[in-house]
Amino acid sequence: MSRHGMSLALCALIAGASALQSQGTGRGASGAGRGGGAAVLPPAPPGDADTLPPAKYFGVTEYDLARTKLEKLVKPGGFAVYIVTDMEGLAGVVNNGREMSTGRSGNSPDHQRFRQELTDELNAAIAGARLGGATQFFVVEGHGGNNFRNVLVDKVDPDAILLRGWPRPNVMETGVNAKMNMMMVVGNHPNAGTPGIIAHSYALGSALTVNGIKLNESGISAFVGAEFGVPLGMVAGDDSYAAEMKETFPSAEVVTVKVAMSGAGGAMLPFARVHAQIKAAATKAVQRAKAGQLKLVTFAKPYHIAWCIRNTFAQPVYEVMARPAGFAIRPDSASGPRCFTYDTNKAEEIGTIMNLVEWAALKP
């Protein structure tokens, strides 16, 4: 998309947003944003709005609205790529506290350097996908440090449409829809409880499972995308993450950017080599998607979801995480005191539950 075309598209987005908001949030009576009846948007609350419970803050759970808005931006006849970004899986990253900056300021020099690396790996993925025949690029910021504002906006490829900031519905799958053609992931990390670098999964204490299959954060995004027919084409991260993705999503192109020696150290590949590999893998992924060679990984319905909350969270935070409003979540005492199960026919609900878990962890 040209700069002029992107400007026109963003103008259309703003106009569409005004029209949609005049119809209400789409939030159900429970406030869980599951496609229910219309409601009047609440006024902006006073003070620090980020401390409010999600049901009282517009933009946490309205995934239907977000999807509808992005659908309007997908150009017919092109090839649209949805790119999920994170930071723990970037080349060179080993330290969560300094390099990933979990505070709001984002003033750590290390964090600033790795914001540049995030942008470079993202741009390499876009450049490669463009060579393969992709025409549109929707980028979602999935790293919670700095409140999901890490990509350098003035340095990102000008054809990209960037979803950033907090709160946002289904933060790592915001707006993914059936008009898109492929998903890619850069900078993601292995699952909680694995030996990879900065291994975790949202604020969970162990891996989330769908029908008994473990899914890391990228896997959850791919699970949601697959329900709309969007295959996972390319991923990049450390060797533990690469092994996880090859097992569950065997048709995706996988780039290994570093080799884990512990949770905070390993063997790092040079940035320039990583960028070249990501670019080549993205090109091949789009070409294979166009040739119908990417496998769409799906699960039988109803989906049986199981997860456990980290035991390090205080009881009030845990209560919010454990029983988000509007979802019939059941305790799973056989698996542990902070473990739960949930059955659904809609993958987006899992993205919303994980987003509510994230909300509780970041904004208790």
Protein backbone atom coordinates (compact mmCIF):
# COMPACT_ATOMS: atom_id res chain seq x y z
CA MET A 1 0.00 0.00 0.00
CA SER A 2 1.36 3.48 -0.83
CA ARG A 3 1.62 6.21 1.80
CA HIS A 4 -1.32 7.98 0.10
CA GLY A 5 -3.34 4.76 0.08
CA MET A 6 -2.59 4.16 3.74
CA SER A 7 -3.76 7.69 4.60
CA LEU A 8 -7.04 7.07 2.79
CA ALA A 9 -7.43 3.74 4.57
CA LEU A 10 -6.86 5.30 7.97
CA CYS A 11 -9.40 8.02 7.19
CA ALA A 12 -11.86 5.25 6.35
CA LEU A 13 -11.02 3.57 9.63
CA ILE A 14 -11.74 6.73 11.60
CA ALA A 15 -15.04 7.22 9.78
CA GLY A 16 -15.97 3.59 10.32
CA ALA A 17 -15.09 3.82 13.98
CA SER A 18 -17.42 6.78 14.45
CA ALA A 19 -20.27 4.94 12.76
CA LEU A 20 -19.70 1.76 14.75
CA GLN A 21 -19.40 3.55 18.07
CA SER A 22 -22.69 5.32 17.46
CA GLN A 23 -24.23 1.84 17.36
CA GLY A 24 -22.81 0.84 20.73
CA THR A 25 -19.95 -1.31 21.94
CA GLY A 26 -21.40 -4.69 21.02
CA ARG A 27 -20.87 -5.78 24.61
CA GLY A 28 -23.33 -8.28 26.04
CA ALA A 29 -25.30 -7.80 29.25
CA SER A 30 -22.53 -9.48 31.21
CA GLY A 31 -20.00 -6.90 29.99
CA ALA A 32 -17.83 -9.65 28.55
CA GLY A 33 -17.98 -8.38 24.96
CA ARG A 34 -19.23 -11.60 23.40
CA GLY A 35 -21.21 -10.05 20.53
CA GLY A 36 -24.30 -9.11 22.53
CA GLY A 37 -26.70 -6.19 22.08
CA ALA A 38 -25.78 -2.56 21.61
CA ALA A 39 -24.93 -0.30 24.51
CA VAL A 40 -24.08 3.39 24.94
CA LEU A 41 -20.36 4.03 25.30
CA PRO A 42 -19.52 5.10 28.86
CA PRO A 43 -17.80 8.45 29.39
CA ALA A 44 -14.08 8.43 30.02
CA PRO A 45 -13.64 7.72 33.74
CA PRO A 46 -11.71 10.20 35.89
CA GLY A 47 -8.24 9.44 37.23
CA ASP A 48 -6.16 6.48 36.20
CA ALA A 49 -8.57 4.55 33.98
CA ASP A 50 -6.19 1.62 33.69
CA THR A 51 -7.00 0.57 37.27
CA LEU A 52 -10.68 0.00 36.47
CA PRO A 53 -12.20 -3.48 36.07
CA PRO A 54 -12.53 -4.43 32.38
CA ALA A 55 -16.33 -4.37 32.30
CA LYS A 56 -16.22 -0.62 33.05
CA TYR A 57 -13.63 0.32 30.44
CA PHE A 58 -14.38 0.36 26.72
CA GLY A 59 -11.83 -1.48 24.60
CA VAL A 60 -10.86 -4.46 26.76
CA THR A 61 -13.34 -7.06 25.57
CA GLU A 62 -15.00 -5.77 22.38
CA TYR A 63 -13.31 -8.17 19.98
CA ASP A 64 -16.26 -8.20 17.54
CA LEU A 65 -15.97 -4.44 17.11
CA ALA A 66 -12.20 -4.59 16.56
CA ARG A 67 -12.58 -7.33 13.96
CA THR A 68 -15.28 -5.41 12.09
CA LYS A 69 -13.08 -2.32 11.93
CA LEU A 70 -10.08 -4.18 10.51
CA GLU A 71 -12.22 -6.04 7.98
CA LYS A 72 -13.02 -2.66 6.42
CA LEU A 73 -9.31 -2.01 5.83
CA VAL A 74 -8.51 -5.27 4.04
CA LYS A 75 -8.35 -4.57 0.30
CA PRO A 76 -10.12 -7.13 -1.90
CA GLY A 77 -7.98 -9.03 -4.35
CA GLY A 78 -4.73 -8.56 -2.44
CA PHE A 79 -2.80 -10.73 0.00
CA ALA A 80 -3.07 -9.50 3.61
CA VAL A 81 -0.58 -10.66 6.24
CA TYR A 82 -1.30 -10.40 9.98
CA ILE A 83 1.94 -10.09 12.00
CA VAL A 84 2.08 -10.67 15.77
CA THR A 85 5.10 -9.15 17.55
CA ASP A 86 6.65 -9.82 20.93
CA MET A 87 10.08 -9.06 22.38
CA GLU A 88 11.38 -11.90 24.57
CA GLY A 89 12.12 -13.96 21.47
CA LEU A 90 14.10 -11.28 19.63
CA ALA A 91 17.72 -11.84 18.63
CA GLY A 92 20.06 -10.94 21.47
CA VAL A 93 17.42 -10.68 24.21
CA VAL A 94 18.15 -12.54 27.47
CA ASN A 95 17.02 -10.23 30.30
CA ASN A 96 13.38 -9.40 30.98
CA GLY A 97 13.90 -6.63 33.54
CA ARG A 98 16.20 -4.32 31.57
CA GLU A 99 15.79 -5.27 27.94
CA MET A 100 12.01 -5.76 28.03
CA SER A 101 11.18 -2.85 30.39
CA THR A 102 7.99 -3.80 32.24
CA GLY A 103 7.48 -0.22 33.43
CA ARG A 104 5.54 2.49 31.63
CA SER A 105 8.42 4.84 30.95
CA GLY A 106 10.43 2.60 28.64
CA ASN A 107 13.53 4.72 29.35
CA SER A 108 16.04 1.90 29.81
CA PRO A 109 18.83 2.24 27.20
CA ASP A 110 18.72 -1.53 26.76
CA HIS A 111 15.00 -1.42 26.13
CA GLN A 112 15.40 1.36 23.59
CA ARG A 113 18.01 -0.71 21.72
CA PHE A 114 15.73 -3.72 21.57
CA ARG A 115 12.81 -1.61 20.45
CA GLN A 116 14.97 -0.97 17.41
CA GLU A 117 15.67 -4.70 17.01
CA LEU A 118 11.94 -5.42 17.26
CA THR A 119 11.30 -2.91 14.50
CA ASP A 120 14.14 -4.33 12.38
CA GLU A 121 12.87 -7.92 12.65
CA LEU A 122 9.34 -6.75 11.89
CA ASN A 123 10.52 -4.81 8.84
CA ALA A 124 12.48 -7.83 7.64
CA ALA A 125 9.32 -9.95 7.86
CA ILE A 126 7.32 -7.33 5.93
CA ALA A 127 10.01 -6.96 3.25
CA GLY A 128 10.18 -10.72 2.77
CA ALA A 129 6.42 -11.12 2.64
CA ARG A 130 6.23 -8.35 0.05
CA LEU A 131 8.78 -10.18 -2.12
CA GLY A 132 6.58 -13.27 -1.86
CA GLY A 133 3.57 -11.38 -3.15
CA ALA A 134 1.90 -9.93 -0.03
CA THR A 135 0.23 -6.55 -0.51
CA GLN A 136 -1.03 -5.55 2.96
CA PHE A 137 0.48 -5.81 6.42
CA PHE A 138 -1.41 -5.60 9.73
CA VAL A 139 0.93 -5.54 12.71
CA VAL A 140 -0.20 -6.15 16.29
CA GLU A 141 2.00 -5.21 19.24
CA GLY A 142 1.89 -8.15 21.63
CA HIS A 143 4.52 -7.22 24.21
CA GLY A 144 3.11 -5.83 27.47
CA GLY A 145 6.22 -3.91 28.53
CA ASN A 146 5.78 -0.18 27.97
CA ASN A 147 2.03 -0.87 27.74
CA PHE A 148 2.17 -2.46 24.27
CA ARG A 149 4.01 0.52 22.73
CA ASN A 150 7.37 -0.84 21.63
CA VAL A 151 7.59 -0.77 17.84
CA LEU A 152 9.29 2.44 16.67
CA VAL A 153 6.39 3.97 14.77
CA ASP A 154 8.53 6.33 12.71
CA LYS A 155 10.86 3.49 11.66
CA VAL A 156 8.32 0.79 10.77
CA ASP A 157 7.68 -0.06 7.11
CA PRO A 158 5.34 2.66 5.74
CA ASP A 159 2.96 0.07 4.29
CA ALA A 160 2.20 -1.37 7.73
CA ILE A 161 -0.96 -0.67 9.71
CA LEU A 162 0.11 -0.88 13.37
CA LEU A 163 -2.18 -1.88 16.25
CA ARG A 164 -0.58 -0.67 19.47
CA GLY A 165 -1.42 0.59 22.95
CA TRP A 166 -3.48 -0.63 25.89
CA PRO A 167 -6.21 -1.61 26.49
CA ARG A 168 -7.15 -3.46 23.33
CA PRO A 169 -9.43 -6.45 22.74
CA ASN A 170 -7.67 -9.85 22.42
CA VAL A 171 -4.34 -8.09 22.62
CA MET A 172 -2.34 -10.65 20.58
CA GLU A 173 -5.12 -11.34 18.04
CA THR A 174 -6.79 -7.93 17.80
CA GLY A 175 -8.98 -7.79 14.72
CA VAL A 176 -7.74 -10.90 12.92
CA ASN A 177 -10.41 -11.91 10.42
CA ALA A 178 -11.36 -14.13 7.48
CA LYS A 179 -10.33 -11.53 4.88
CA MET A 180 -6.69 -11.96 5.85
CA ASN A 181 -4.51 -14.55 4.13
CA MET A 182 -1.69 -15.52 6.49
CA MET A 183 -0.27 -14.97 9.98
CA MET A 184 3.38 -14.48 11.00
CA VAL A 185 5.04 -14.06 14.41
CA VAL A 186 8.33 -12.38 15.35
CA GLY A 187 9.98 -12.12 18.76
CA ASN A 188 7.89 -14.69 20.61
CA HIS A 189 9.05 -17.05 23.34
CA PRO A 190 8.56 -20.64 24.54
CA ASN A 191 5.83 -21.82 26.86
CA ALA A 192 5.69 -21.51 30.63
CA GLY A 193 7.61 -24.27 32.35
CA THR A 194 9.99 -24.94 29.45
CA PRO A 195 13.77 -24.39 29.43
CA GLY A 196 13.76 -21.58 26.87
CA ILE A 197 14.83 -17.95 27.30
CA ILE A 198 12.29 -15.92 29.34
CA ALA A 199 9.80 -18.77 28.95
CA HIS A 200 6.24 -17.92 30.02
CA SER A 201 2.67 -17.75 28.76
CA TYR A 202 0.72 -14.62 29.60
CA ALA A 203 0.30 -14.65 33.41
CA LEU A 204 -0.23 -18.41 33.53
CA GLY A 205 1.71 -20.80 35.72
CA SER A 206 1.82 -23.51 33.06
CA ALA A 207 0.92 -24.03 29.43
CA LEU A 208 -2.68 -23.50 28.33
CA THR A 209 -4.10 -26.55 26.60
CA VAL A 210 -6.82 -26.91 23.94
CA ASN A 211 -8.24 -30.44 23.84
CA GLY A 212 -5.12 -31.58 25.68
CA ILE A 213 -2.66 -29.94 23.25
CA LYS A 214 -0.27 -27.38 24.75
CA LEU A 215 -0.29 -23.97 23.08
CA ASN A 216 2.18 -21.18 23.74
CA GLU A 217 1.23 -17.54 23.13
CA SER A 218 1.88 -17.85 19.38
CA GLY A 219 -0.11 -21.07 19.35
CA ILE A 220 -3.09 -19.32 20.91
CA SER A 221 -2.89 -16.59 18.26
CA ALA A 222 -2.69 -19.23 15.52
CA PHE A 223 -5.62 -21.09 17.10
CA VAL A 224 -7.77 -17.95 16.90
CA GLY A 225 -6.59 -17.17 13.37
CA ALA A 226 -7.27 -20.71 12.16
CA GLU A 227 -10.94 -20.39 13.05
CA PHE A 228 -11.11 -17.64 10.39
CA GLY A 229 -9.14 -19.72 7.89
CA VAL A 230 -5.89 -17.76 8.43
CA PRO A 231 -2.90 -20.18 8.43
CA LEU A 232 0.31 -19.65 10.38
CA GLY A 233 3.10 -19.11 7.86
CA MET A 234 6.27 -18.04 9.69
CA VAL A 235 7.56 -17.71 13.27
CA ALA A 236 10.86 -16.60 14.84
CA GLY A 237 12.29 -17.16 18.33
CA ASP A 238 14.76 -19.30 20.30
CA ASP A 239 15.38 -23.01 19.74
CA SER A 240 12.94 -24.14 22.47
CA TYR A 241 10.20 -22.01 20.92
CA ALA A 242 11.11 -23.29 17.46
CA ALA A 243 10.72 -26.90 18.64
CA GLU A 244 7.30 -26.16 20.13
CA MET A 245 6.07 -24.53 16.94
CA LYS A 246 7.41 -27.27 14.67
CA GLU A 247 5.56 -29.88 16.72
CA THR A 248 2.15 -28.20 16.67
CA PHE A 249 2.33 -26.18 13.43
CA PRO A 250 4.61 -28.30 11.22
CA SER A 251 3.91 -26.50 7.94
CA ALA A 252 5.06 -23.08 9.17
CA GLU A 253 8.48 -21.66 8.30
CA VAL A 254 10.56 -21.45 11.50
CA VAL A 255 13.54 -19.14 12.14
CA THR A 256 15.78 -19.86 15.16
CA VAL A 257 17.38 -16.58 16.28
CA LYS A 258 19.20 -17.88 19.40
CA VAL A 259 19.94 -21.08 21.31
CA ALA A 260 18.88 -21.21 24.97
CA MET A 261 21.43 -22.27 27.59
CA SER A 262 19.19 -21.20 30.47
CA GLY A 263 16.17 -19.01 31.07
CA ALA A 264 18.39 -15.94 30.87
CA GLY A 265 21.31 -16.83 28.62
CA GLY A 266 22.33 -18.59 25.44
CA ALA A 267 24.08 -18.41 22.09
CA MET A 268 23.00 -15.40 20.02
CA LEU A 269 23.05 -15.11 16.25
CA PRO A 270 24.18 -11.76 14.76
CA PHE A 271 21.33 -9.37 14.06
CA ALA A 272 22.11 -9.03 10.35
CA ARG A 273 21.97 -12.80 9.85
CA VAL A 274 18.68 -13.03 11.73
CA HIS A 275 17.13 -10.28 9.61
CA ALA A 276 18.19 -12.04 6.41
CA GLN A 277 16.76 -15.36 7.60
CA ILE A 278 13.45 -13.80 8.65
CA LYS A 279 13.16 -12.05 5.30
CA ALA A 280 13.82 -15.26 3.38
CA ALA A 281 11.41 -17.29 5.54
CA ALA A 282 8.65 -14.69 5.14
CA THR A 283 9.06 -14.74 1.35
CA LYS A 284 8.84 -18.51 1.27
CA ALA A 285 5.84 -18.54 3.62
CA VAL A 286 3.78 -16.25 1.37
CA GLN A 287 4.75 -18.23 -1.71
CA ARG A 288 3.73 -21.46 -0.02
CA ALA A 289 0.46 -19.91 1.19
CA LYS A 290 -0.36 -18.84 -2.36
CA ALA A 291 0.38 -22.39 -3.53
CA GLY A 292 -1.94 -23.84 -0.87
CA GLN A 293 0.92 -25.57 0.96
CA LEU A 294 0.30 -24.22 4.48
CA LYS A 295 -1.61 -26.54 6.79
CA LEU A 296 -4.46 -24.99 8.76
CA VAL A 297 -4.24 -26.46 12.27
CA THR A 298 -7.71 -26.75 13.78
CA PHE A 299 -9.26 -28.46 16.81
CA ALA A 300 -12.51 -30.35 17.30
CA LYS A 301 -15.41 -28.45 18.86
CA PRO A 302 -16.34 -27.85 21.57
CA TYR A 303 -12.90 -26.68 22.60
CA HIS A 304 -11.92 -27.87 26.06
CA ILE A 305 -9.55 -25.28 27.51
CA ALA A 306 -7.44 -25.78 30.65
CA TRP A 307 -4.98 -23.45 32.38
CA CYS A 308 -3.49 -22.55 35.76
CA ILE A 309 -2.78 -19.10 37.18
CA ARG A 310 0.70 -18.31 38.57
CA ASN A 311 0.83 -18.85 42.32
CA THR A 312 2.85 -15.66 42.79
CA PHE A 313 -0.14 -13.35 42.35
CA ALA A 314 -1.93 -11.93 45.38
CA GLN A 315 -5.36 -13.34 46.15
CA PRO A 316 -7.42 -10.33 44.89
CA VAL A 317 -5.61 -10.38 41.54
CA TYR A 318 -5.97 -14.13 41.35
CA GLU A 319 -9.74 -13.89 41.93
CA VAL A 320 -10.13 -11.50 38.98
CA MET A 321 -7.99 -13.74 36.77
CA ALA A 322 -9.75 -16.92 37.82
CA ARG A 323 -13.34 -15.92 37.17
CA PRO A 324 -13.68 -13.20 34.51
CA ALA A 325 -17.24 -11.93 34.26
CA GLY A 326 -19.46 -13.56 31.67
CA PHE A 327 -17.61 -16.87 31.32
CA ALA A 328 -18.68 -20.13 32.96
CA ILE A 329 -15.20 -21.13 34.09
CA ARG A 330 -14.90 -24.17 36.35
CA PRO A 331 -12.24 -24.91 38.98
CA ASP A 332 -10.02 -27.87 38.13
CA SER A 333 -8.91 -28.99 41.59
CA ALA A 334 -7.48 -32.23 40.22
CA SER A 335 -4.83 -30.20 38.39
CA GLY A 336 -4.14 -27.73 41.19
CA PRO A 337 -5.64 -25.09 43.50
CA ARG A 338 -5.36 -22.35 40.89
CA CYS A 339 -6.34 -24.34 37.80
CA PHE A 340 -9.45 -23.99 35.65
CA THR A 341 -11.29 -25.34 32.64
CA TYR A 342 -13.68 -23.82 30.13
CA ASP A 343 -15.60 -25.21 27.16
CA THR A 344 -16.54 -23.11 24.14
CA ASN A 345 -17.18 -23.26 20.41
CA LYS A 346 -15.52 -19.88 19.78
CA ALA A 347 -11.74 -19.47 19.75
CA GLU A 348 -11.98 -15.68 20.18
CA GLU A 349 -13.36 -16.27 23.68
CA ILE A 350 -10.04 -17.85 24.64
CA GLY A 351 -8.23 -14.77 23.39
CA THR A 352 -10.54 -12.62 25.51
CA ILE A 353 -10.06 -14.73 28.64
CA MET A 354 -6.28 -14.51 28.24
CA ASN A 355 -6.62 -10.77 27.70
CA LEU A 356 -8.60 -10.47 30.94
CA VAL A 357 -5.91 -12.48 32.71
CA GLU A 358 -3.38 -10.00 31.29
CA TRP A 359 -5.54 -7.07 32.41
CA ALA A 360 -5.68 -8.39 35.97
CA ALA A 361 -1.93 -9.01 36.05
CA LEU A 362 -0.97 -5.60 34.66
CA LYS A 363 -3.73 -3.50 36.19
CA PRO A 364 -4.74 -4.98 39.60
